[in-house]
């Protein structure tokens, strides 16, 4: 059943006669009468009683009018929503996120979307870097925000946040009251580090910095999430590392975060997307919004992993 026949039926119902409906529809009366008869034959019900000068809807005609109006309204809504999707004003965007991205990037993006009045739904996926990048390559994700530093020719990235790395120390630790600590001062500690199967991220930075400081750390735990390691550091199970932004959470029960003086102790959040495959208009719009909000002025995309 096509839209044209629905509109013709609605016009006949609302005008009460085929002749008046034909004028409204800018068509002649005979084709409209034939169309109406074919519609009744297809539905196998009579839609109008034709005994008098004015067509009177049957019970089936009354019901069909309600349904036809709803279907026409739905078609208009679908067209409008499709236009909005094409223009990047509505739709669903899948984003892979690290914990830090979920805590500090996504809420601000949601604020911007709300301020713009855009009906865009963010579907956030969290996981290890390797898994998220594979999902990105398979187009299950539109964008990924992570700490990847590994280069790959099929992906591009943009740094959207750079911040110093802090060390989480247990309560009462001799170094907890200092304004900052040197990595060499931590050589005898038990290290709680992030897993990084791709050779990327915070743990690799820590291990590299430890080598440069002349020692190999005693790693007693490898984990995938920052917050559990901060809680374990609070319990005295070791020391952990987190970006400065975690110090701004203000959550009770977390270990004290102290800046690390070593110059190389800085970490980056990168937004990553496929190099060769074009993003949807709406995903491109969200990418540009994130770049505008977080990306460095004049920053150019670069290869990433």
C-alpha atoms as a PDB file:
ATOM      1  CA  UNK A   1       0.000   0.000   0.000  1.00  0.00           C
ATOM      2  CA  UNK A   2       1.669   3.182  -1.184  1.00  0.00           C
ATOM      3  CA  UNK A   3       1.616   6.703   0.182  1.00  0.00           C
ATOM      4  CA  UNK A   4      -0.349   8.107  -2.762  1.00  0.00           C
ATOM      5  CA  UNK A   5      -3.344   5.826  -2.141  1.00  0.00           C
ATOM      6  CA  UNK A   6      -3.303   6.650   1.556  1.00  0.00           C
ATOM      7  CA  UNK A   7      -3.388  10.364   0.767  1.00  0.00           C
ATOM      8  CA  UNK A   8      -6.250   9.850  -1.690  1.00  0.00           C
ATOM      9  CA  UNK A   9      -8.322   7.935   0.844  1.00  0.00           C
ATOM     10  CA  UNK A  10      -7.700  10.563   3.536  1.00  0.00           C
ATOM     11  CA  UNK A  11      -8.757  13.327   1.147  1.00  0.00           C
ATOM     12  CA  UNK A  12     -12.008  11.522   0.258  1.00  0.00           C
ATOM     13  CA  UNK A  13     -12.738  10.861   3.934  1.00  0.00           C
ATOM     14  CA  UNK A  14     -12.107  14.474   4.973  1.00  0.00           C
ATOM     15  CA  UNK A  15     -13.923  16.068   1.999  1.00  0.00           C
ATOM     16  CA  UNK A  16     -16.889  13.692   2.098  1.00  0.00           C
ATOM     17  CA  UNK A  17     -17.035  13.318  -1.684  1.00  0.00           C
ATOM     18  CA  UNK A  18     -14.879  12.098  -4.515  1.00  0.00           C
ATOM     19  CA  UNK A  19     -15.350  15.275  -6.545  1.00  0.00           C
ATOM     20  CA  UNK A  20     -14.186  17.572  -3.725  1.00  0.00           C
ATOM     21  CA  UNK A  21     -11.263  15.270  -2.950  1.00  0.00           C
ATOM     22  CA  UNK A  22     -10.253  15.267  -6.639  1.00  0.00           C
ATOM     23  CA  UNK A  23     -10.084  19.067  -6.616  1.00  0.00           C
ATOM     24  CA  UNK A  24      -7.974  18.987  -3.463  1.00  0.00           C
ATOM     25  CA  UNK A  25      -5.631  16.418  -4.978  1.00  0.00           C
ATOM     26  CA  UNK A  26      -5.403  18.191  -8.356  1.00  0.00           C
ATOM     27  CA  UNK A  27      -6.681  15.162 -10.266  1.00  0.00           C
ATOM     28  CA  UNK A  28      -9.832  14.203 -12.151  1.00  0.00           C
ATOM     29  CA  UNK A  29     -12.681  12.336 -10.518  1.00  0.00           C
ATOM     30  CA  UNK A  30     -12.735   9.031 -12.507  1.00  0.00           C
ATOM     31  CA  UNK A  31      -9.165   7.927 -11.640  1.00  0.00           C
ATOM     32  CA  UNK A  32      -9.821   8.742  -7.985  1.00  0.00           C
ATOM     33  CA  UNK A  33     -13.024   6.676  -7.958  1.00  0.00           C
ATOM     34  CA  UNK A  34     -11.173   3.746  -9.554  1.00  0.00           C
ATOM     35  CA  UNK A  35      -8.327   4.047  -7.021  1.00  0.00           C
ATOM     36  CA  UNK A  36     -10.802   4.015  -4.136  1.00  0.00           C
ATOM     37  CA  UNK A  37     -12.550   0.899  -5.454  1.00  0.00           C
ATOM     38  CA  UNK A  38      -9.222  -0.907  -5.903  1.00  0.00           C
ATOM     39  CA  UNK A  39      -8.252   0.018  -2.360  1.00  0.00           C
ATOM     40  CA  UNK A  40     -11.483  -1.484  -1.013  1.00  0.00           C
ATOM     41  CA  UNK A  41     -10.942  -4.612  -3.107  1.00  0.00           C
ATOM     42  CA  UNK A  42      -7.411  -4.963  -1.754  1.00  0.00           C
ATOM     43  CA  UNK A  43      -8.559  -4.512   1.829  1.00  0.00           C
ATOM     44  CA  UNK A  44     -11.655  -6.671   1.225  1.00  0.00           C
ATOM     45  CA  UNK A  45     -13.865  -4.227   3.116  1.00  0.00           C
ATOM     46  CA  UNK A  46     -16.128  -1.353   2.193  1.00  0.00           C
ATOM     47  CA  UNK A  47     -14.721   1.963   3.360  1.00  0.00           C
ATOM     48  CA  UNK A  48     -17.733   4.153   2.513  1.00  0.00           C
ATOM     49  CA  UNK A  49     -21.506   3.880   2.207  1.00  0.00           C
ATOM     50  CA  UNK A  50     -22.464   5.409  -1.122  1.00  0.00           C
ATOM     51  CA  UNK A  51     -26.236   5.736  -0.719  1.00  0.00           C
ATOM     52  CA  UNK A  52     -26.506   9.534  -0.562  1.00  0.00           C
ATOM     53  CA  UNK A  53     -24.918  12.681  -1.958  1.00  0.00           C
ATOM     54  CA  UNK A  54     -22.170  12.497   0.655  1.00  0.00           C
ATOM     55  CA  UNK A  55     -19.910   9.505   1.258  1.00  0.00           C
ATOM     56  CA  UNK A  56     -20.329   8.168   4.782  1.00  0.00           C
ATOM     57  CA  UNK A  57     -17.424   6.171   6.252  1.00  0.00           C
ATOM     58  CA  UNK A  58     -18.177   2.657   7.436  1.00  0.00           C
ATOM     59  CA  UNK A  59     -16.801   1.374  10.729  1.00  0.00           C
ATOM     60  CA  UNK A  60     -13.903  -0.083   8.744  1.00  0.00           C
ATOM     61  CA  UNK A  61     -13.452   3.276   7.008  1.00  0.00           C
ATOM     62  CA  UNK A  62     -13.301   5.095  10.337  1.00  0.00           C
ATOM     63  CA  UNK A  63     -10.607   2.721  11.602  1.00  0.00           C
ATOM     64  CA  UNK A  64      -8.657   2.847   8.361  1.00  0.00           C
ATOM     65  CA  UNK A  65      -8.695   6.653   8.436  1.00  0.00           C
ATOM     66  CA  UNK A  66      -7.036   6.655  11.859  1.00  0.00           C
ATOM     67  CA  UNK A  67      -4.426   4.155  10.716  1.00  0.00           C
ATOM     68  CA  UNK A  68      -3.815   5.957   7.413  1.00  0.00           C
ATOM     69  CA  UNK A  69      -3.254   9.287   9.176  1.00  0.00           C
ATOM     70  CA  UNK A  70      -0.803   7.599  11.547  1.00  0.00           C
ATOM     71  CA  UNK A  71       1.073   5.949   8.665  1.00  0.00           C
ATOM     72  CA  UNK A  72       1.348   9.224   6.753  1.00  0.00           C
ATOM     73  CA  UNK A  73       2.597  10.989   9.878  1.00  0.00           C
ATOM     74  CA  UNK A  74       5.154   8.223  10.413  1.00  0.00           C
ATOM     75  CA  UNK A  75       6.378   8.584   6.838  1.00  0.00           C
ATOM     76  CA  UNK A  76       6.879  12.310   7.367  1.00  0.00           C
ATOM     77  CA  UNK A  77       8.759  11.611  10.589  1.00  0.00           C
ATOM     78  CA  UNK A  78      10.957   9.031   8.876  1.00  0.00           C
ATOM     79  CA  UNK A  79      11.845  11.468   6.088  1.00  0.00           C
ATOM     80  CA  UNK A  80      12.665  14.209   8.574  1.00  0.00           C
ATOM     81  CA  UNK A  81      14.787  11.885  10.715  1.00  0.00           C
ATOM     82  CA  UNK A  82      16.664  10.598   7.671  1.00  0.00           C
ATOM     83  CA  UNK A  83      17.418  14.162   6.613  1.00  0.00           C
ATOM     84  CA  UNK A  84      18.658  14.906  10.121  1.00  0.00           C
ATOM     85  CA  UNK A  85      20.863  11.807  10.092  1.00  0.00           C
ATOM     86  CA  UNK A  86      22.285  12.843   6.717  1.00  0.00           C
ATOM     87  CA  UNK A  87      22.984  16.306   8.109  1.00  0.00           C
ATOM     88  CA  UNK A  88      24.495  14.911  11.319  1.00  0.00           C
ATOM     89  CA  UNK A  89      21.731  16.170  13.606  1.00  0.00           C
ATOM     90  CA  UNK A  90      20.348  12.809  14.766  1.00  0.00           C
ATOM     91  CA  UNK A  91      21.473   9.217  15.081  1.00  0.00           C
ATOM     92  CA  UNK A  92      23.702   6.731  16.893  1.00  0.00           C
ATOM     93  CA  UNK A  93      27.486   6.892  17.196  1.00  0.00           C
ATOM     94  CA  UNK A  94      29.532   3.996  18.601  1.00  0.00           C
ATOM     95  CA  UNK A  95      32.636   5.130  20.510  1.00  0.00           C
ATOM     96  CA  UNK A  96      35.285   2.922  22.089  1.00  0.00           C
ATOM     97  CA  UNK A  97      36.585   4.478  25.296  1.00  0.00           C
ATOM     98  CA  UNK A  98      39.215   3.976  27.930  1.00  0.00           C
ATOM     99  CA  UNK A  99      38.201   4.582  31.543  1.00  0.00           C
ATOM    100  CA  UNK A 100      39.609   8.103  31.432  1.00  0.00           C
ATOM    101  CA  UNK A 101      37.700   8.891  28.245  1.00  0.00           C
ATOM    102  CA  UNK A 102      34.451   7.677  29.807  1.00  0.00           C
ATOM    103  CA  UNK A 103      35.069   9.772  32.913  1.00  0.00           C
ATOM    104  CA  UNK A 104      36.430  12.997  31.453  1.00  0.00           C
ATOM    105  CA  UNK A 105      35.689  13.184  27.716  1.00  0.00           C
ATOM    106  CA  UNK A 106      32.255  11.642  27.181  1.00  0.00           C
ATOM    107  CA  UNK A 107      30.404  13.748  29.816  1.00  0.00           C
ATOM    108  CA  UNK A 108      31.625  16.958  28.188  1.00  0.00           C
ATOM    109  CA  UNK A 109      30.641  15.706  24.750  1.00  0.00           C
ATOM    110  CA  UNK A 110      27.176  14.931  26.126  1.00  0.00           C
ATOM    111  CA  UNK A 111      26.978  18.483  27.481  1.00  0.00           C
ATOM    112  CA  UNK A 112      27.820  19.887  24.046  1.00  0.00           C
ATOM    113  CA  UNK A 113      25.243  17.682  22.317  1.00  0.00           C
ATOM    114  CA  UNK A 114      22.572  18.776  24.781  1.00  0.00           C
ATOM    115  CA  UNK A 115      23.511  22.435  24.334  1.00  0.00           C
ATOM    116  CA  UNK A 116      23.158  22.065  20.558  1.00  0.00           C
ATOM    117  CA  UNK A 117      19.777  20.358  20.949  1.00  0.00           C
ATOM    118  CA  UNK A 118      20.919  17.398  18.847  1.00  0.00           C
ATOM    119  CA  UNK A 119      19.264  13.993  19.188  1.00  0.00           C
ATOM    120  CA  UNK A 120      22.489  12.010  18.976  1.00  0.00           C
ATOM    121  CA  UNK A 121      22.885   8.867  21.064  1.00  0.00           C
ATOM    122  CA  UNK A 122      26.403   7.851  22.092  1.00  0.00           C
ATOM    123  CA  UNK A 123      26.890   4.110  22.507  1.00  0.00           C
ATOM    124  CA  UNK A 124      30.076   3.793  24.569  1.00  0.00           C
ATOM    125  CA  UNK A 125      32.081   0.563  24.471  1.00  0.00           C
ATOM    126  CA  UNK A 126      34.864  -0.012  27.003  1.00  0.00           C
ATOM    127  CA  UNK A 127      37.608  -2.581  26.670  1.00  0.00           C
ATOM    128  CA  UNK A 128      41.279  -3.197  26.074  1.00  0.00           C
ATOM    129  CA  UNK A 129      43.007  -1.145  23.406  1.00  0.00           C
ATOM    130  CA  UNK A 130      43.624  -4.104  21.096  1.00  0.00           C
ATOM    131  CA  UNK A 131      39.969  -5.134  21.128  1.00  0.00           C
ATOM    132  CA  UNK A 132      38.712  -1.593  20.528  1.00  0.00           C
ATOM    133  CA  UNK A 133      41.072  -1.006  17.622  1.00  0.00           C
ATOM    134  CA  UNK A 134      40.000  -4.283  16.029  1.00  0.00           C
ATOM    135  CA  UNK A 135      36.355  -3.239  16.418  1.00  0.00           C
ATOM    136  CA  UNK A 136      37.268   0.074  14.796  1.00  0.00           C
ATOM    137  CA  UNK A 137      38.831  -1.694  11.820  1.00  0.00           C
ATOM    138  CA  UNK A 138      35.745  -3.920  11.482  1.00  0.00           C
ATOM    139  CA  UNK A 139      33.511  -0.811  11.561  1.00  0.00           C
ATOM    140  CA  UNK A 140      31.732  -1.944  14.731  1.00  0.00           C
ATOM    141  CA  UNK A 141      33.005   1.318  16.232  1.00  0.00           C
ATOM    142  CA  UNK A 142      33.002   4.750  14.615  1.00  0.00           C
ATOM    143  CA  UNK A 143      35.662   6.313  16.848  1.00  0.00           C
ATOM    144  CA  UNK A 144      37.956   5.196  19.653  1.00  0.00           C
ATOM    145  CA  UNK A 145      39.469   7.300  22.436  1.00  0.00           C
ATOM    146  CA  UNK A 146      42.462   5.620  24.053  1.00  0.00           C
ATOM    147  CA  UNK A 147      46.127   6.036  25.017  1.00  0.00           C
ATOM    148  CA  UNK A 148      47.520   4.169  22.037  1.00  0.00           C
ATOM    149  CA  UNK A 149      50.946   5.332  20.836  1.00  0.00           C
ATOM    150  CA  UNK A 150      51.613   2.455  18.432  1.00  0.00           C
ATOM    151  CA  UNK A 151      51.677   3.467  14.765  1.00  0.00           C
ATOM    152  CA  UNK A 152      49.596   1.787  12.049  1.00  0.00           C
ATOM    153  CA  UNK A 153      49.021   2.990   8.477  1.00  0.00           C
ATOM    154  CA  UNK A 154      45.288   2.207   8.336  1.00  0.00           C
ATOM    155  CA  UNK A 155      44.293   4.465  11.244  1.00  0.00           C
ATOM    156  CA  UNK A 156      44.568   8.138  12.049  1.00  0.00           C
ATOM    157  CA  UNK A 157      44.540   9.853  15.425  1.00  0.00           C
ATOM    158  CA  UNK A 158      44.413  13.235  17.078  1.00  0.00           C
ATOM    159  CA  UNK A 159      45.700  14.049  20.566  1.00  0.00           C
ATOM    160  CA  UNK A 160      42.747  15.449  22.499  1.00  0.00           C
ATOM    161  CA  UNK A 161      44.166  15.523  26.036  1.00  0.00           C
ATOM    162  CA  UNK A 162      47.710  15.718  27.417  1.00  0.00           C
ATOM    163  CA  UNK A 163      48.396  15.651  31.139  1.00  0.00           C
ATOM    164  CA  UNK A 164      51.071  14.637  33.658  1.00  0.00           C
ATOM    165  CA  UNK A 165      51.056  11.211  35.247  1.00  0.00           C
ATOM    166  CA  UNK A 166      50.659  10.996  39.038  1.00  0.00           C
ATOM    167  CA  UNK A 167      51.584   8.205  41.439  1.00  0.00           C
ATOM    168  CA  UNK A 168      49.012   6.866  43.905  1.00  0.00           C
ATOM    169  CA  UNK A 169      50.561   6.285  47.333  1.00  0.00           C
ATOM    170  CA  UNK A 170      49.049   4.497  50.349  1.00  0.00           C
ATOM    171  CA  UNK A 171      48.023   6.563  53.398  1.00  0.00           C
ATOM    172  CA  UNK A 172      50.971   7.255  55.678  1.00  0.00           C
ATOM    173  CA  UNK A 173      53.541   6.610  52.962  1.00  0.00           C
ATOM    174  CA  UNK A 174      56.730   8.637  53.628  1.00  0.00           C
ATOM    175  CA  UNK A 175      56.438  10.306  50.212  1.00  0.00           C
ATOM    176  CA  UNK A 176      52.692  11.033  50.360  1.00  0.00           C
ATOM    177  CA  UNK A 177      53.164  14.509  51.803  1.00  0.00           C
ATOM    178  CA  UNK A 178      55.620  15.716  49.186  1.00  0.00           C
ATOM    179  CA  UNK A 179      54.728  18.221  46.491  1.00  0.00           C
ATOM    180  CA  UNK A 180      56.227  15.819  43.941  1.00  0.00           C
ATOM    181  CA  UNK A 181      58.366  12.676  43.869  1.00  0.00           C
ATOM    182  CA  UNK A 182      61.092  11.339  41.604  1.00  0.00           C
ATOM    183  CA  UNK A 183      60.632   7.942  39.999  1.00  0.00           C
ATOM    184  CA  UNK A 184      63.972   6.812  41.445  1.00  0.00           C
ATOM    185  CA  UNK A 185      62.453   7.282  44.920  1.00  0.00           C
ATOM    186  CA  UNK A 186      59.967   4.516  44.097  1.00  0.00           C
ATOM    187  CA  UNK A 187      62.451   1.793  43.152  1.00  0.00           C
ATOM    188  CA  UNK A 188      61.651  -0.335  46.233  1.00  0.00           C
ATOM    189  CA  UNK A 189      57.859  -0.162  45.866  1.00  0.00           C
ATOM    190  CA  UNK A 190      55.405  -2.798  44.670  1.00  0.00           C
ATOM    191  CA  UNK A 191      54.020  -1.627  41.323  1.00  0.00           C
ATOM    192  CA  UNK A 192      50.408  -2.030  40.210  1.00  0.00           C
ATOM    193  CA  UNK A 193      50.364  -1.540  36.423  1.00  0.00           C
ATOM    194  CA  UNK A 194      47.960  -1.523  33.501  1.00  0.00           C
ATOM    195  CA  UNK A 195      47.958  -4.388  31.035  1.00  0.00           C
ATOM    196  CA  UNK A 196      48.980  -3.212  27.580  1.00  0.00           C
ATOM    197  CA  UNK A 197      49.248  -6.145  25.134  1.00  0.00           C
ATOM    198  CA  UNK A 198      49.979  -3.837  22.209  1.00  0.00           C
ATOM    199  CA  UNK A 199      52.966  -2.215  23.864  1.00  0.00           C
ATOM    200  CA  UNK A 200      51.124   1.064  24.344  1.00  0.00           C
ATOM    201  CA  UNK A 201      49.777   3.227  27.108  1.00  0.00           C
ATOM    202  CA  UNK A 202      50.636   4.088  30.697  1.00  0.00           C
ATOM    203  CA  UNK A 203      52.438   0.912  31.768  1.00  0.00           C
ATOM    204  CA  UNK A 204      54.921   1.125  28.902  1.00  0.00           C
ATOM    205  CA  UNK A 205      55.669   4.716  29.811  1.00  0.00           C
ATOM    206  CA  UNK A 206      56.266   3.681  33.424  1.00  0.00           C
ATOM    207  CA  UNK A 207      58.503   0.747  32.476  1.00  0.00           C
ATOM    208  CA  UNK A 208      60.515   2.880  30.063  1.00  0.00           C
ATOM    209  CA  UNK A 209      60.942   5.629  32.647  1.00  0.00           C
ATOM    210  CA  UNK A 210      62.043   3.084  35.253  1.00  0.00           C
ATOM    211  CA  UNK A 211      64.705   1.765  32.893  1.00  0.00           C
ATOM    212  CA  UNK A 212      65.898   5.313  32.296  1.00  0.00           C
ATOM    213  CA  UNK A 213      66.029   5.815  36.065  1.00  0.00           C
ATOM    214  CA  UNK A 214      68.251   2.737  36.403  1.00  0.00           C
ATOM    215  CA  UNK A 215      65.962   0.077  37.871  1.00  0.00           C
ATOM    216  CA  UNK A 216      63.439  -2.609  36.969  1.00  0.00           C
ATOM    217  CA  UNK A 217      60.192  -2.250  38.957  1.00  0.00           C
ATOM    218  CA  UNK A 218      58.728  -5.018  41.100  1.00  0.00           C
ATOM    219  CA  UNK A 219      55.368  -5.469  39.360  1.00  0.00           C
ATOM    220  CA  UNK A 220      52.942  -7.438  41.535  1.00  0.00           C
ATOM    221  CA  UNK A 221      49.731  -6.750  39.623  1.00  0.00           C
ATOM    222  CA  UNK A 222      48.626  -6.236  36.024  1.00  0.00           C
ATOM    223  CA  UNK A 223      45.101  -4.860  35.578  1.00  0.00           C
ATOM    224  CA  UNK A 224      42.867  -3.309  32.979  1.00  0.00           C
ATOM    225  CA  UNK A 225      41.192  -0.505  34.955  1.00  0.00           C
ATOM    226  CA  UNK A 226      42.640   2.464  36.821  1.00  0.00           C
ATOM    227  CA  UNK A 227      40.078   2.878  39.619  1.00  0.00           C
ATOM    228  CA  UNK A 228      40.541  -0.633  41.110  1.00  0.00           C
ATOM    229  CA  UNK A 229      44.306  -0.044  41.236  1.00  0.00           C
ATOM    230  CA  UNK A 230      43.784   3.268  43.043  1.00  0.00           C
ATOM    231  CA  UNK A 231      41.641   1.453  45.603  1.00  0.00           C
ATOM    232  CA  UNK A 232      44.310  -1.229  46.024  1.00  0.00           C
ATOM    233  CA  UNK A 233      46.951   1.458  46.521  1.00  0.00           C
ATOM    234  CA  UNK A 234      44.717   2.947  49.208  1.00  0.00           C
ATOM    235  CA  UNK A 235      44.785  -0.449  50.960  1.00  0.00           C
ATOM    236  CA  UNK A 236      48.582  -0.487  50.908  1.00  0.00           C
ATOM    237  CA  UNK A 237      48.896  -3.249  48.324  1.00  0.00           C
ATOM    238  CA  UNK A 238      51.281  -1.263  46.141  1.00  0.00           C
ATOM    239  CA  UNK A 239      51.596   1.971  44.199  1.00  0.00           C
ATOM    240  CA  UNK A 240      49.624   2.786  41.061  1.00  0.00           C
ATOM    241  CA  UNK A 241      49.770   5.433  38.364  1.00  0.00           C
ATOM    242  CA  UNK A 242      46.996   7.622  37.005  1.00  0.00           C
ATOM    243  CA  UNK A 243      46.673  10.789  34.923  1.00  0.00           C
ATOM    244  CA  UNK A 244      46.240  14.092  36.746  1.00  0.00           C
ATOM    245  CA  UNK A 245      42.527  14.206  35.883  1.00  0.00           C
ATOM    246  CA  UNK A 246      41.853  11.365  38.341  1.00  0.00           C
ATOM    247  CA  UNK A 247      42.936  13.667  41.162  1.00  0.00           C
ATOM    248  CA  UNK A 248      39.953  15.865  40.291  1.00  0.00           C
ATOM    249  CA  UNK A 249      37.368  13.145  40.881  1.00  0.00           C
ATOM    250  CA  UNK A 250      37.160  13.860  44.598  1.00  0.00           C
ATOM    251  CA  UNK A 251      36.101  10.290  45.368  1.00  0.00           C
ATOM    252  CA  UNK A 252      36.489   9.082  48.934  1.00  0.00           C
ATOM    253  CA  UNK A 253      38.578   5.996  49.534  1.00  0.00           C
ATOM    254  CA  UNK A 254      41.117   6.631  46.780  1.00  0.00           C
ATOM    255  CA  UNK A 255      44.841   6.872  47.385  1.00  0.00           C
ATOM    256  CA  UNK A 256      46.567  10.256  47.423  1.00  0.00           C
ATOM    257  CA  UNK A 257      47.880  11.245  43.997  1.00  0.00           C
ATOM    258  CA  UNK A 258      51.298  12.930  43.893  1.00  0.00           C
ATOM    259  CA  UNK A 259      52.959  14.403  40.759  1.00  0.00           C
ATOM    260  CA  UNK A 260      56.024  12.594  39.402  1.00  0.00           C
ATOM    261  CA  UNK A 261      58.877  14.987  38.671  1.00  0.00           C
ATOM    262  CA  UNK A 262      60.383  13.046  35.746  1.00  0.00           C
ATOM    263  CA  UNK A 263      59.913  15.092  32.564  1.00  0.00           C
ATOM    264  CA  UNK A 264      58.770  12.139  30.437  1.00  0.00           C
ATOM    265  CA  UNK A 265      55.892  11.354  32.797  1.00  0.00           C
ATOM    266  CA  UNK A 266      53.147  12.773  30.605  1.00  0.00           C
ATOM    267  CA  UNK A 267      50.336  10.854  28.975  1.00  0.00           C
ATOM    268  CA  UNK A 268      48.023  11.488  26.023  1.00  0.00           C
ATOM    269  CA  UNK A 269      44.462  10.566  25.144  1.00  0.00           C
ATOM    270  CA  UNK A 270      44.047  10.080  21.415  1.00  0.00           C
ATOM    271  CA  UNK A 271      40.932   9.927  19.278  1.00  0.00           C
ATOM    272  CA  UNK A 272      41.388   7.281  16.571  1.00  0.00           C
ATOM    273  CA  UNK A 273      39.391   6.606  13.393  1.00  0.00           C
ATOM    274  CA  UNK A 274      39.844   4.631  10.139  1.00  0.00           C
ATOM    275  CA  UNK A 275      42.068   6.301   7.573  1.00  0.00           C
ATOM    276  CA  UNK A 276      40.636   4.855   4.349  1.00  0.00           C
ATOM    277  CA  UNK A 277      36.959   4.386   5.258  1.00  0.00           C
ATOM    278  CA  UNK A 278      34.730   7.445   5.343  1.00  0.00           C
ATOM    279  CA  UNK A 279      32.833   8.101   8.557  1.00  0.00           C
ATOM    280  CA  UNK A 280      29.091   8.591   8.481  1.00  0.00           C
ATOM    281  CA  UNK A 281      28.015  12.253   8.503  1.00  0.00           C
ATOM    282  CA  UNK A 282      26.918  12.021  12.119  1.00  0.00           C
ATOM    283  CA  UNK A 283      30.143  10.301  13.264  1.00  0.00           C
ATOM    284  CA  UNK A 284      32.142  12.952  11.408  1.00  0.00           C
ATOM    285  CA  UNK A 285      30.146  15.630  13.178  1.00  0.00           C
ATOM    286  CA  UNK A 286      30.897  14.098  16.600  1.00  0.00           C
ATOM    287  CA  UNK A 287      34.584  13.768  15.696  1.00  0.00           C
ATOM    288  CA  UNK A 288      34.728  17.467  14.788  1.00  0.00           C
ATOM    289  CA  UNK A 289      32.912  18.379  17.995  1.00  0.00           C
ATOM    290  CA  UNK A 290      35.484  16.458  20.061  1.00  0.00           C
ATOM    291  CA  UNK A 291      38.367  18.053  18.163  1.00  0.00           C
ATOM    292  CA  UNK A 292      36.897  21.499  18.677  1.00  0.00           C
ATOM    293  CA  UNK A 293      36.384  20.900  22.388  1.00  0.00           C
ATOM    294  CA  UNK A 294      39.645  19.093  23.184  1.00  0.00           C
ATOM    295  CA  UNK A 295      42.024  19.016  20.214  1.00  0.00           C
ATOM    296  CA  UNK A 296      45.055  21.327  20.048  1.00  0.00           C
ATOM    297  CA  UNK A 297      44.658  24.376  17.845  1.00  0.00           C
ATOM    298  CA  UNK A 298      45.905  23.626  14.370  1.00  0.00           C
ATOM    299  CA  UNK A 299      46.688  20.028  15.285  1.00  0.00           C
ATOM    300  CA  UNK A 300      46.974  17.683  12.341  1.00  0.00           C
ATOM    301  CA  UNK A 301      45.821  14.040  12.359  1.00  0.00           C
ATOM    302  CA  UNK A 302      48.634  11.516  12.424  1.00  0.00           C
ATOM    303  CA  UNK A 303      49.035   7.772  12.021  1.00  0.00           C
ATOM    304  CA  UNK A 304      48.051   5.731  15.063  1.00  0.00           C
ATOM    305  CA  UNK A 305      47.347   2.207  16.194  1.00  0.00           C
END
